[in-house]
C-alpha atoms as a PDB file:
ATOM      1  CA  UNK A   1     -32.875   2.692   9.062  1.00  0.00           C
ATOM      2  CA  UNK A   2     -34.446   5.011   6.469  1.00  0.00           C
ATOM      3  CA  UNK A   3     -32.401   6.977   3.970  1.00  0.00           C
ATOM      4  CA  UNK A   4     -33.379   9.920   1.831  1.00  0.00           C
ATOM      5  CA  UNK A   5     -32.123  11.052  -1.494  1.00  0.00           C
ATOM      6  CA  UNK A   6     -31.347  14.737  -2.292  1.00  0.00           C
ATOM      7  CA  UNK A   7     -30.291  16.463  -5.377  1.00  0.00           C
ATOM      8  CA  UNK A   8     -26.909  18.322  -5.002  1.00  0.00           C
ATOM      9  CA  UNK A   9     -28.717  21.600  -5.420  1.00  0.00           C
ATOM     10  CA  UNK A  10     -31.230  20.721  -2.649  1.00  0.00           C
ATOM     11  CA  UNK A  11     -28.564  19.283  -0.403  1.00  0.00           C
ATOM     12  CA  UNK A  12     -26.496  22.452  -0.614  1.00  0.00           C
ATOM     13  CA  UNK A  13     -29.563  24.587   0.129  1.00  0.00           C
ATOM     14  CA  UNK A  14     -30.716  22.428   3.017  1.00  0.00           C
ATOM     15  CA  UNK A  15     -27.373  21.126   4.352  1.00  0.00           C
ATOM     16  CA  UNK A  16     -28.449  21.479   8.078  1.00  0.00           C
ATOM     17  CA  UNK A  17     -31.453  19.272   7.338  1.00  0.00           C
ATOM     18  CA  UNK A  18     -29.149  16.722   5.575  1.00  0.00           C
ATOM     19  CA  UNK A  19     -26.679  16.694   8.480  1.00  0.00           C
ATOM     20  CA  UNK A  20     -29.508  16.400  11.040  1.00  0.00           C
ATOM     21  CA  UNK A  21     -30.993  13.369   9.390  1.00  0.00           C
ATOM     22  CA  UNK A  22     -27.534  11.777   9.172  1.00  0.00           C
ATOM     23  CA  UNK A  23     -27.058  12.378  12.845  1.00  0.00           C
ATOM     24  CA  UNK A  24     -30.241  10.522  13.531  1.00  0.00           C
ATOM     25  CA  UNK A  25     -28.714   7.474  11.784  1.00  0.00           C
ATOM     26  CA  UNK A  26     -30.342   7.971   8.346  1.00  0.00           C
ATOM     27  CA  UNK A  27     -27.802   8.020   5.485  1.00  0.00           C
ATOM     28  CA  UNK A  28     -28.497  10.764   3.115  1.00  0.00           C
ATOM     29  CA  UNK A  29     -27.814  10.128  -0.567  1.00  0.00           C
ATOM     30  CA  UNK A  30     -26.809  12.996  -2.800  1.00  0.00           C
ATOM     31  CA  UNK A  31     -27.407  12.846  -6.513  1.00  0.00           C
ATOM     32  CA  UNK A  32     -26.093  14.814  -9.523  1.00  0.00           C
ATOM     33  CA  UNK A  33     -28.137  14.690 -12.762  1.00  0.00           C
ATOM     34  CA  UNK A  34     -30.140  11.757 -11.289  1.00  0.00           C
ATOM     35  CA  UNK A  35     -27.165   9.537 -10.363  1.00  0.00           C
ATOM     36  CA  UNK A  36     -25.885   8.863  -6.822  1.00  0.00           C
ATOM     37  CA  UNK A  37     -22.573  10.501  -6.275  1.00  0.00           C
ATOM     38  CA  UNK A  38     -22.262  10.782  -2.558  1.00  0.00           C
ATOM     39  CA  UNK A  39     -23.720   9.975   0.796  1.00  0.00           C
ATOM     40  CA  UNK A  40     -23.682  11.866   4.128  1.00  0.00           C
ATOM     41  CA  UNK A  41     -23.226   9.784   7.243  1.00  0.00           C
ATOM     42  CA  UNK A  42     -22.846  10.761  10.934  1.00  0.00           C
ATOM     43  CA  UNK A  43     -19.253  10.636  12.130  1.00  0.00           C
ATOM     44  CA  UNK A  44     -20.094   7.823  14.447  1.00  0.00           C
ATOM     45  CA  UNK A  45     -21.351   5.731  11.614  1.00  0.00           C
ATOM     46  CA  UNK A  46     -18.339   6.461   9.446  1.00  0.00           C
ATOM     47  CA  UNK A  47     -15.993   5.497  12.252  1.00  0.00           C
ATOM     48  CA  UNK A  48     -17.864   2.176  12.777  1.00  0.00           C
ATOM     49  CA  UNK A  49     -17.526   1.553   9.042  1.00  0.00           C
ATOM     50  CA  UNK A  50     -13.911   2.228   9.127  1.00  0.00           C
ATOM     51  CA  UNK A  51     -13.411  -0.233  12.154  1.00  0.00           C
ATOM     52  CA  UNK A  52     -15.472  -2.960  10.332  1.00  0.00           C
ATOM     53  CA  UNK A  53     -13.334  -2.487   7.246  1.00  0.00           C
ATOM     54  CA  UNK A  54     -10.007  -2.927   9.353  1.00  0.00           C
ATOM     55  CA  UNK A  55     -11.364  -5.993  11.003  1.00  0.00           C
ATOM     56  CA  UNK A  56     -12.270  -7.569   7.728  1.00  0.00           C
ATOM     57  CA  UNK A  57      -8.870  -6.916   6.147  1.00  0.00           C
ATOM     58  CA  UNK A  58      -6.488  -9.821   6.341  1.00  0.00           C
ATOM     59  CA  UNK A  59      -3.274  -9.452   8.448  1.00  0.00           C
ATOM     60  CA  UNK A  60       0.144  -9.297   6.619  1.00  0.00           C
ATOM     61  CA  UNK A  61       0.973 -12.661   8.335  1.00  0.00           C
ATOM     62  CA  UNK A  62      -2.115 -14.447   7.055  1.00  0.00           C
ATOM     63  CA  UNK A  63      -1.395 -13.157   3.472  1.00  0.00           C
ATOM     64  CA  UNK A  64       2.079 -14.550   3.693  1.00  0.00           C
ATOM     65  CA  UNK A  65       0.824 -17.909   5.244  1.00  0.00           C
ATOM     66  CA  UNK A  66      -1.803 -18.208   2.467  1.00  0.00           C
ATOM     67  CA  UNK A  67       0.809 -18.024  -0.309  1.00  0.00           C
ATOM     68  CA  UNK A  68       1.533 -21.340  -2.146  1.00  0.00           C
ATOM     69  CA  UNK A  69       4.434 -23.142  -0.618  1.00  0.00           C
ATOM     70  CA  UNK A  70       5.387 -25.230  -3.741  1.00  0.00           C
ATOM     71  CA  UNK A  71       6.325 -24.349  -7.378  1.00  0.00           C
ATOM     72  CA  UNK A  72       2.684 -24.659  -8.568  1.00  0.00           C
ATOM     73  CA  UNK A  73       1.268 -21.505 -10.421  1.00  0.00           C
ATOM     74  CA  UNK A  74      -1.118 -19.223  -8.575  1.00  0.00           C
ATOM     75  CA  UNK A  75      -3.432 -16.544  -9.603  1.00  0.00           C
ATOM     76  CA  UNK A  76      -2.205 -12.914  -9.282  1.00  0.00           C
ATOM     77  CA  UNK A  77      -4.603 -10.100  -8.548  1.00  0.00           C
ATOM     78  CA  UNK A  78      -4.789  -7.576 -11.358  1.00  0.00           C
ATOM     79  CA  UNK A  79      -3.513  -4.479  -9.665  1.00  0.00           C
ATOM     80  CA  UNK A  80      -2.355  -1.183 -11.062  1.00  0.00           C
ATOM     81  CA  UNK A  81       0.971  -0.068  -9.734  1.00  0.00           C
ATOM     82  CA  UNK A  82       0.920   3.369  -8.192  1.00  0.00           C
ATOM     83  CA  UNK A  83       2.916   6.232  -9.562  1.00  0.00           C
ATOM     84  CA  UNK A  84       6.110   7.007  -7.711  1.00  0.00           C
ATOM     85  CA  UNK A  85       8.159  10.060  -8.150  1.00  0.00           C
ATOM     86  CA  UNK A  86      11.895   9.854  -7.435  1.00  0.00           C
END
């Protein structure tokens, strides 16, 4: 599966070509000032990636069962709490 790289300016000017290549199964990278900032994929490939992500995610039950059952310390993941408005 080949992929191409487009500057943002070129991708905007040739958007049909970018989409056509993505539909052929070729991810199309978009750069801004030489750095990759996005990728254009076919809807089919995007859906496949979403499904793979869901399959790889642990179930809530497995997370609960994996928790330590004794009083031993365990490592907490460094997560940032989300902002909540009341």
